[in-house]
């Protein structure tokens, strides 16, 4: 069944099609929610809210791109709205404050399992994690991130640099623990 056919069936109220749409996309979207929210309970809430919005707005999908991409944008926007409503993003600071540069071997990052890295990202402070996800993982430019979060572009850049440095410090701590073994 094509995306178009699936959407048409969902719009007609076909419960099996709605279940199929959810089943097809929910695991990837849950992983996305988890990256933004940082814990399972909040991720599950955002996932549920997102799919409610998906089904409410399904007629807005124009079919000019993959359905999964459209759903992804609904999920990201829902997560960002949730984060903004809680006012968890960090306050504006000067970019210069964030320019701590660590020389860290890329091989260490490459050696890490994806699950370990994702767990570290989930443990980041909310403001760092949000900008890190949007910039490093989703590929949004800082200007667009700033608009989405209602912050200055310099704040987005600062939050990303702080997130990067936080991640590096966590990796360095792992090195110390491994060296002690």
Protein backbone atom coordinates (compact mmCIF):
# COMPACT_ATOMS: atom_id res chain seq x y z
CA UNK A 1 0.00 0.00 0.00
CA UNK A 2 1.35 3.44 -0.90
CA UNK A 3 1.51 6.38 1.52
CA UNK A 4 -1.27 8.07 -0.46
CA UNK A 5 -3.55 5.02 -0.19
CA UNK A 6 -2.81 4.67 3.52
CA UNK A 7 -3.64 8.32 4.15
CA UNK A 8 -6.86 8.09 2.15
CA UNK A 9 -7.97 5.06 4.16
CA UNK A 10 -7.08 6.82 7.43
CA UNK A 11 -9.07 9.89 6.40
CA UNK A 12 -12.09 7.65 5.78
CA UNK A 13 -11.85 6.46 9.39
CA UNK A 14 -10.40 3.00 8.62
CA UNK A 15 -9.11 1.88 12.03
CA UNK A 16 -6.84 -0.80 10.55
CA UNK A 17 -5.18 1.81 8.32
CA UNK A 18 -4.75 4.13 11.30
CA UNK A 19 -3.20 1.31 13.28
CA UNK A 20 -0.87 0.50 10.36
CA UNK A 21 0.23 4.13 10.06
CA UNK A 22 1.00 4.26 13.78
CA UNK A 23 2.73 0.87 13.79
CA UNK A 24 4.84 1.78 10.75
CA UNK A 25 6.13 5.09 12.13
CA UNK A 26 5.86 4.98 15.92
CA UNK A 27 9.18 3.31 16.78
CA UNK A 28 11.27 5.79 14.77
CA UNK A 29 9.24 8.70 16.08
CA UNK A 30 9.58 7.44 19.65
CA UNK A 31 13.37 7.42 19.25
CA UNK A 32 13.13 10.99 17.98
CA UNK A 33 10.98 12.00 20.97
CA UNK A 34 13.42 10.36 23.35
CA UNK A 35 16.30 12.34 21.86
CA UNK A 36 14.48 15.60 22.48
CA UNK A 37 12.80 14.92 25.78
CA UNK A 38 15.51 12.93 27.53
CA UNK A 39 13.31 10.47 29.40
CA UNK A 40 10.80 7.79 28.52
CA UNK A 41 7.74 9.27 30.18
CA UNK A 42 8.05 12.65 28.46
CA UNK A 43 8.96 10.96 25.17
CA UNK A 44 5.83 8.81 25.36
CA UNK A 45 3.71 11.90 26.09
CA UNK A 46 5.16 13.76 23.11
CA UNK A 47 4.70 10.70 20.88
CA UNK A 48 1.05 10.43 21.89
CA UNK A 49 0.45 14.17 21.40
CA UNK A 50 2.24 14.02 18.05
CA UNK A 51 0.13 11.19 16.67
CA UNK A 52 -3.04 12.92 17.81
CA UNK A 53 -1.90 15.91 15.77
CA UNK A 54 -0.91 13.68 12.85
CA UNK A 55 -4.40 12.18 12.68
CA UNK A 56 -6.07 15.57 13.16
CA UNK A 57 -3.97 17.15 10.40
CA UNK A 58 -3.55 14.22 8.06
CA UNK A 59 -5.52 15.96 5.31
CA UNK A 60 -2.77 18.64 5.29
CA UNK A 61 -0.21 16.13 3.98
CA UNK A 62 0.11 17.05 0.33
CA UNK A 63 1.97 13.96 -0.84
CA UNK A 64 4.88 15.98 -2.23
CA UNK A 65 7.30 14.18 0.07
CA UNK A 66 7.37 10.98 2.09
CA UNK A 67 4.70 10.62 4.73
CA UNK A 68 7.38 9.72 7.30
CA UNK A 69 9.10 13.06 6.73
CA UNK A 70 5.86 14.94 7.28
CA UNK A 71 5.16 12.96 10.45
CA UNK A 72 8.73 13.66 11.61
CA UNK A 73 8.17 17.41 11.28
CA UNK A 74 4.96 17.14 13.34
CA UNK A 75 6.86 15.21 16.03
CA UNK A 76 9.79 17.66 16.13
CA UNK A 77 7.42 20.64 16.36
CA UNK A 78 5.42 18.95 19.12
CA UNK A 79 8.60 18.23 21.09
CA UNK A 80 9.81 21.81 20.66
CA UNK A 81 6.45 23.19 21.74
CA UNK A 82 6.54 21.00 24.84
CA UNK A 83 10.06 22.16 25.67
CA UNK A 84 9.17 25.82 25.11
CA UNK A 85 6.07 25.56 27.28
CA UNK A 86 8.22 24.33 30.13
CA UNK A 87 10.70 27.14 29.54
CA UNK A 88 13.57 24.72 29.84
CA UNK A 89 15.85 26.28 27.28
CA UNK A 90 18.85 27.97 28.76
CA UNK A 91 19.05 31.76 28.95
CA UNK A 92 21.05 33.79 26.49
CA UNK A 93 24.79 33.98 27.15
CA UNK A 94 27.71 35.34 25.23
CA UNK A 95 29.15 33.09 22.54
CA UNK A 96 32.68 33.74 23.74
CA UNK A 97 31.90 32.02 27.04
CA UNK A 98 31.30 28.76 25.23
CA UNK A 99 34.54 28.58 23.26
CA UNK A 100 36.29 25.95 25.34
CA UNK A 101 38.12 23.79 22.88
CA UNK A 102 39.00 20.23 23.75
CA UNK A 103 41.30 18.12 21.66
CA UNK A 104 39.50 14.85 21.61
CA UNK A 105 40.36 11.89 19.40
CA UNK A 106 37.64 11.18 16.87
CA UNK A 107 38.45 7.51 17.11
CA UNK A 108 36.91 7.51 20.60
CA UNK A 109 33.58 8.69 19.20
CA UNK A 110 33.76 6.21 16.35
CA UNK A 111 34.40 3.37 18.78
CA UNK A 112 31.27 4.15 20.80
CA UNK A 113 28.10 2.26 20.15
CA UNK A 114 25.24 4.38 18.88
CA UNK A 115 23.12 3.44 21.89
CA UNK A 116 25.81 4.71 24.29
CA UNK A 117 26.06 8.01 22.45
CA UNK A 118 22.27 8.42 22.35
CA UNK A 119 22.11 7.75 26.10
CA UNK A 120 24.68 10.50 26.66
CA UNK A 121 22.69 12.90 24.50
CA UNK A 122 19.55 12.13 26.53
CA UNK A 123 21.43 13.06 29.70
CA UNK A 124 22.37 16.53 28.41
CA UNK A 125 20.71 19.54 30.00
CA UNK A 126 17.49 20.30 28.10
CA UNK A 127 18.65 23.47 26.34
CA UNK A 128 21.84 21.82 25.14
CA UNK A 129 20.05 18.67 24.02
CA UNK A 130 17.39 20.55 22.08
CA UNK A 131 19.85 22.65 20.08
CA UNK A 132 22.26 19.73 19.65
CA UNK A 133 19.48 17.57 18.19
CA UNK A 134 18.23 20.30 15.89
CA UNK A 135 21.68 21.32 14.63
CA UNK A 136 23.89 18.22 14.71
CA UNK A 137 21.31 15.52 14.11
CA UNK A 138 18.41 17.17 12.25
CA UNK A 139 20.66 19.56 10.30
CA UNK A 140 18.75 22.79 10.93
CA UNK A 141 20.78 26.04 10.59
CA UNK A 142 21.19 28.15 13.75
CA UNK A 143 19.01 30.92 12.32
CA UNK A 144 16.09 28.52 11.89
CA UNK A 145 16.68 26.96 15.32
CA UNK A 146 16.58 30.42 16.87
CA UNK A 147 13.27 31.17 15.16
CA UNK A 148 11.73 27.85 16.23
CA UNK A 149 12.81 28.23 19.86
CA UNK A 150 12.28 31.99 20.16
CA UNK A 151 15.91 32.66 21.06
CA UNK A 152 18.74 34.67 19.52
CA UNK A 153 20.86 33.00 16.86
CA UNK A 154 23.92 33.56 19.05
CA UNK A 155 22.17 31.65 21.84
CA UNK A 156 21.63 28.71 19.51
CA UNK A 157 25.32 28.72 18.61
CA UNK A 158 26.28 29.00 22.26
CA UNK A 159 24.01 26.16 23.30
CA UNK A 160 25.45 23.95 20.56
CA UNK A 161 29.02 24.70 21.61
CA UNK A 162 28.17 24.05 25.24
CA UNK A 163 26.44 20.80 24.26
CA UNK A 164 29.48 19.74 22.26
CA UNK A 165 31.81 20.56 25.15
CA UNK A 166 29.51 18.80 27.63
CA UNK A 167 29.56 15.71 25.44
CA UNK A 168 33.35 15.83 25.18
CA UNK A 169 33.67 16.08 28.98
CA UNK A 170 31.43 13.03 29.34
CA UNK A 171 33.56 11.12 26.86
CA UNK A 172 36.70 12.11 28.73
CA UNK A 173 35.16 10.79 31.95
CA UNK A 174 34.56 7.47 30.21
CA UNK A 175 38.22 7.39 29.20
CA UNK A 176 39.26 7.88 32.83
CA UNK A 177 36.93 5.09 34.00
CA UNK A 178 38.27 2.73 31.31
CA UNK A 179 41.87 3.59 32.19
CA UNK A 180 41.19 2.75 35.85
CA UNK A 181 40.04 -0.78 34.94
